[in-house]
Amino acid sequence: MGIEPERIEMFNMGASDAPLFAAACNEMTERAKNLGPNPLKKEKVKP
C-alpha cells in the first residue's frame, strides 16, 4: 500500500492490562511523531 511498516503494529493484550495498553499507546505516539506526517494523507487545500 505504500505505507511504512513502522506505522502499523498489532498488540495483543487483555482487558486487565491497562499499564501495558498505556505503554503501547505511548510507544506508537512517539513512533508516529518521529516518522512525521503520514505520506498517504493528502494535504488540505485552502479555498
PDB file of N, CA and C in Angstrom:
ATOM      1  N   MET A   1       0.809  -1.206   0.000  1.00  0.00           N
ATOM      2  CA  MET A   1       0.000   0.000   0.000  1.00  0.00           C
ATOM      3  C   MET A   1       0.846   1.260   0.000  1.00  0.00           C
ATOM      4  N   GLY A   2       2.114   1.137   0.259  1.00  0.00           N
ATOM      5  CA  GLY A   2       2.972   2.310   0.236  1.00  0.00           C
ATOM      6  C   GLY A   2       3.167   2.974   1.588  1.00  0.00           C
ATOM      7  N   ILE A   3       2.755   2.318   2.651  1.00  0.00           N
ATOM      8  CA  ILE A   3       2.943   2.891   3.992  1.00  0.00           C
ATOM      9  C   ILE A   3       4.068   2.144   4.694  1.00  0.00           C
ATOM     10  N   GLU A   4       4.857   2.871   5.464  1.00  0.00           N
ATOM     11  CA  GLU A   4       5.977   2.240   6.145  1.00  0.00           C
ATOM     12  C   GLU A   4       5.483   1.230   7.168  1.00  0.00           C
ATOM     13  N   PRO A   5       6.143   0.086   7.276  1.00  0.00           N
ATOM     14  CA  PRO A   5       5.735  -0.920   8.255  1.00  0.00           C
ATOM     15  C   PRO A   5       5.860  -0.429   9.703  1.00  0.00           C
ATOM     16  N   GLU A   6       6.677   0.599   9.940  1.00  0.00           N
ATOM     17  CA  GLU A   6       6.842   1.135  11.290  1.00  0.00           C
ATOM     18  C   GLU A   6       5.574   1.821  11.788  1.00  0.00           C
ATOM     19  N   ARG A   7       4.674   2.175  10.879  1.00  0.00           N
ATOM     20  CA  ARG A   7       3.445   2.879  11.257  1.00  0.00           C
ATOM     21  C   ARG A   7       2.343   1.935  11.726  1.00  0.00           C
ATOM     22  N   ILE A   8       2.516   0.644  11.507  1.00  0.00           N
ATOM     23  CA  ILE A   8       1.472  -0.321  11.845  1.00  0.00           C
ATOM     24  C   ILE A   8       2.051  -1.396  12.747  1.00  0.00           C
ATOM     25  N   GLU A   9       1.375  -1.659  13.844  1.00  0.00           N
ATOM     26  CA  GLU A   9       1.786  -2.748  14.721  1.00  0.00           C
ATOM     27  C   GLU A   9       0.548  -3.267  15.428  1.00  0.00           C
ATOM     28  N   MET A  10       0.507  -4.548  15.650  1.00  0.00           N
ATOM     29  CA  MET A  10      -0.616  -5.163  16.331  1.00  0.00           C
ATOM     30  C   MET A  10      -0.171  -5.561  17.734  1.00  0.00           C
ATOM     31  N   PHE A  11      -0.967  -5.200  18.730  1.00  0.00           N
ATOM     32  CA  PHE A  11      -0.687  -5.537  20.110  1.00  0.00           C
ATOM     33  C   PHE A  11      -1.778  -6.479  20.600  1.00  0.00           C
ATOM     34  N   ASN A  12      -1.401  -7.505  21.336  1.00  0.00           N
ATOM     35  CA  ASN A  12      -2.358  -8.449  21.887  1.00  0.00           C
ATOM     36  C   ASN A  12      -2.276  -8.355  23.406  1.00  0.00           C
ATOM     37  N   MET A  13      -3.368  -7.880  24.021  1.00  0.00           N
ATOM     38  CA  MET A  13      -3.373  -7.738  25.471  1.00  0.00           C
ATOM     39  C   MET A  13      -4.785  -7.909  25.994  1.00  0.00           C
ATOM     40  N   GLY A  14      -4.872  -8.259  27.248  1.00  0.00           N
ATOM     41  CA  GLY A  14      -6.166  -8.470  27.873  1.00  0.00           C
ATOM     42  C   GLY A  14      -6.760  -7.168  28.392  1.00  0.00           C
ATOM     43  N   ALA A  15      -8.034  -7.227  28.761  1.00  0.00           N
ATOM     44  CA  ALA A  15      -8.738  -6.053  29.272  1.00  0.00           C
ATOM     45  C   ALA A  15      -8.141  -5.552  30.589  1.00  0.00           C
ATOM     46  N   SER A  16      -7.473  -6.420  31.324  1.00  0.00           N
ATOM     47  CA  SER A  16      -6.898  -6.014  32.612  1.00  0.00           C
ATOM     48  C   SER A  16      -5.470  -5.491  32.483  1.00  0.00           C
ATOM     49  N   ASP A  17      -4.977  -5.349  31.273  1.00  0.00           N
ATOM     50  CA  ASP A  17      -3.593  -4.904  31.037  1.00  0.00           C
ATOM     51  C   ASP A  17      -3.507  -3.404  30.769  1.00  0.00           C
ATOM     52  N   ALA A  18      -4.141  -2.603  31.626  1.00  0.00           N
ATOM     53  CA  ALA A  18      -4.147  -1.155  31.417  1.00  0.00           C
ATOM     54  C   ALA A  18      -2.737  -0.560  31.320  1.00  0.00           C
ATOM     55  N   PRO A  19      -1.797  -0.916  32.190  1.00  0.00           N
ATOM     56  CA  PRO A  19      -0.448  -0.346  32.063  1.00  0.00           C
ATOM     57  C   PRO A  19       0.220  -0.731  30.735  1.00  0.00           C
ATOM     58  N   LEU A  20       0.006  -1.951  30.288  1.00  0.00           N
ATOM     59  CA  LEU A  20       0.573  -2.385  29.014  1.00  0.00           C
ATOM     60  C   LEU A  20      -0.060  -1.616  27.855  1.00  0.00           C
ATOM     61  N   PHE A  21      -1.375  -1.388  27.937  1.00  0.00           N
ATOM     62  CA  PHE A  21      -2.073  -0.618  26.912  1.00  0.00           C
ATOM     63  C   PHE A  21      -1.534   0.809  26.853  1.00  0.00           C
ATOM     64  N   ALA A  22      -1.376   1.437  28.013  1.00  0.00           N
ATOM     65  CA  ALA A  22      -0.853   2.804  28.062  1.00  0.00           C
ATOM     66  C   ALA A  22       0.558   2.867  27.493  1.00  0.00           C
ATOM     67  N   ALA A  23       1.387   1.893  27.806  1.00  0.00           N
ATOM     68  CA  ALA A  23       2.760   1.862  27.280  1.00  0.00           C
ATOM     69  C   ALA A  23       2.753   1.706  25.763  1.00  0.00           C
ATOM     70  N   ALA A  24       1.856   0.856  25.238  1.00  0.00           N
ATOM     71  CA  ALA A  24       1.768   0.664  23.791  1.00  0.00           C
ATOM     72  C   ALA A  24       1.309   1.954  23.114  1.00  0.00           C
ATOM     73  N   CYS A  25       0.350   2.650  23.723  1.00  0.00           N
ATOM     74  CA  CYS A  25      -0.111   3.931  23.166  1.00  0.00           C
ATOM     75  C   CYS A  25       1.018   4.953  23.144  1.00  0.00           C
ATOM     76  N   ASN A  26       1.761   5.033  24.237  1.00  0.00           N
ATOM     77  CA  ASN A  26       2.889   5.975  24.293  1.00  0.00           C
ATOM     78  C   ASN A  26       3.952   5.630  23.261  1.00  0.00           C
ATOM     79  N   GLU A  27       4.246   4.349  23.102  1.00  0.00           N
ATOM     80  CA  GLU A  27       5.250   3.919  22.128  1.00  0.00           C
ATOM     81  C   GLU A  27       4.827   4.295  20.705  1.00  0.00           C
ATOM     82  N   MET A  28       3.581   4.015  20.364  1.00  0.00           N
ATOM     83  CA  MET A  28       3.122   4.309  19.000  1.00  0.00           C
ATOM     84  C   MET A  28       3.025   5.812  18.754  1.00  0.00           C
ATOM     85  N   THR A  29       2.670   6.575  19.786  1.00  0.00           N
ATOM     86  CA  THR A  29       2.609   8.036  19.646  1.00  0.00           C
ATOM     87  C   THR A  29       3.994   8.600  19.370  1.00  0.00           C
ATOM     88  N   GLU A  30       4.989   8.159  20.127  1.00  0.00           N
ATOM     89  CA  GLU A  30       6.362   8.616  19.906  1.00  0.00           C
ATOM     90  C   GLU A  30       6.856   8.207  18.522  1.00  0.00           C
ATOM     91  N   ARG A  31       6.545   6.987  18.127  1.00  0.00           N
ATOM     92  CA  ARG A  31       6.966   6.496  16.818  1.00  0.00           C
ATOM     93  C   ARG A  31       6.355   7.349  15.707  1.00  0.00           C
ATOM     94  N   ALA A  32       5.068   7.667  15.835  1.00  0.00           N
ATOM     95  CA  ALA A  32       4.392   8.494  14.826  1.00  0.00           C
ATOM     96  C   ALA A  32       5.000   9.890  14.763  1.00  0.00           C
ATOM     97  N   LYS A  33       5.319  10.459  15.925  1.00  0.00           N
ATOM     98  CA  LYS A  33       5.953  11.782  15.949  1.00  0.00           C
ATOM     99  C   LYS A  33       7.305  11.747  15.243  1.00  0.00           C
ATOM    100  N   ASN A  34       8.085  10.704  15.485  1.00  0.00           N
ATOM    101  CA  ASN A  34       9.409  10.593  14.868  1.00  0.00           C
ATOM    102  C   ASN A  34       9.337  10.345  13.369  1.00  0.00           C
ATOM    103  N   LEU A  35       8.310   9.633  12.923  1.00  0.00           N
ATOM    104  CA  LEU A  35       8.165   9.347  11.492  1.00  0.00           C
ATOM    105  C   LEU A  35       7.657  10.550  10.711  1.00  0.00           C
ATOM    106  N   GLY A  36       6.950  11.445  11.378  1.00  0.00           N
ATOM    107  CA  GLY A  36       6.415  12.623  10.696  1.00  0.00           C
ATOM    108  C   GLY A  36       5.064  12.344  10.084  1.00  0.00           C
ATOM    109  N   PRO A  37       4.593  13.274   9.249  1.00  0.00           N
ATOM    110  CA  PRO A  37       3.258  13.151   8.665  1.00  0.00           C
ATOM    111  C   PRO A  37       3.093  11.886   7.828  1.00  0.00           C
ATOM    112  N   ASN A  38       1.872  11.401   7.816  1.00  0.00           N
ATOM    113  CA  ASN A  38       1.518  10.227   7.025  1.00  0.00           C
ATOM    114  C   ASN A  38       1.697  10.556   5.540  1.00  0.00           C
ATOM    115  N   PRO A  39       2.512   9.809   4.812  1.00  0.00           N
ATOM    116  CA  PRO A  39       2.745  10.126   3.404  1.00  0.00           C
ATOM    117  C   PRO A  39       1.520   9.864   2.523  1.00  0.00           C
ATOM    118  N   LEU A  40       0.563   9.111   3.000  1.00  0.00           N
ATOM    119  CA  LEU A  40      -0.633   8.834   2.209  1.00  0.00           C
ATOM    120  C   LEU A  40      -1.741   9.849   2.426  1.00  0.00           C
ATOM    121  N   LYS A  41      -1.617  10.644   3.457  1.00  0.00           N
ATOM    122  CA  LYS A  41      -2.644  11.652   3.756  1.00  0.00           C
ATOM    123  C   LYS A  41      -2.451  12.855   2.843  1.00  0.00           C
ATOM    124  N   LYS A  42      -3.519  13.206   2.157  1.00  0.00           N
ATOM    125  CA  LYS A  42      -3.444  14.357   1.250  1.00  0.00           C
ATOM    126  C   LYS A  42      -3.543  15.637   2.066  1.00  0.00           C
ATOM    127  N   GLU A  43      -2.774  16.628   1.651  1.00  0.00           N
ATOM    128  CA  GLU A  43      -2.815  17.912   2.333  1.00  0.00           C
ATOM    129  C   GLU A  43      -4.119  18.613   1.989  1.00  0.00           C
ATOM    130  N   LYS A  44      -4.680  19.303   2.985  1.00  0.00           N
ATOM    131  CA  LYS A  44      -5.911  20.036   2.747  1.00  0.00           C
ATOM    132  C   LYS A  44      -5.578  21.301   1.944  1.00  0.00           C
ATOM    133  N   VAL A  45      -6.385  21.551   0.948  1.00  0.00           N
ATOM    134  CA  VAL A  45      -6.202  22.753   0.122  1.00  0.00           C
ATOM    135  C   VAL A  45      -7.095  23.840   0.673  1.00  0.00           C
ATOM    136  N   LYS A  46      -6.502  24.982   0.971  1.00  0.00           N
ATOM    137  CA  LYS A  46      -7.289  26.097   1.488  1.00  0.00           C
ATOM    138  C   LYS A  46      -8.033  26.766   0.330  1.00  0.00           C
ATOM    139  N   PRO A  47      -9.293  27.126   0.562  1.00  0.00           N
ATOM    140  CA  PRO A  47     -10.077  27.767  -0.520  1.00  0.00           C
ATOM    141  C   PRO A  47      -9.610  29.155  -0.836  1.00  0.00           C
TER     142      PRO A  47
END
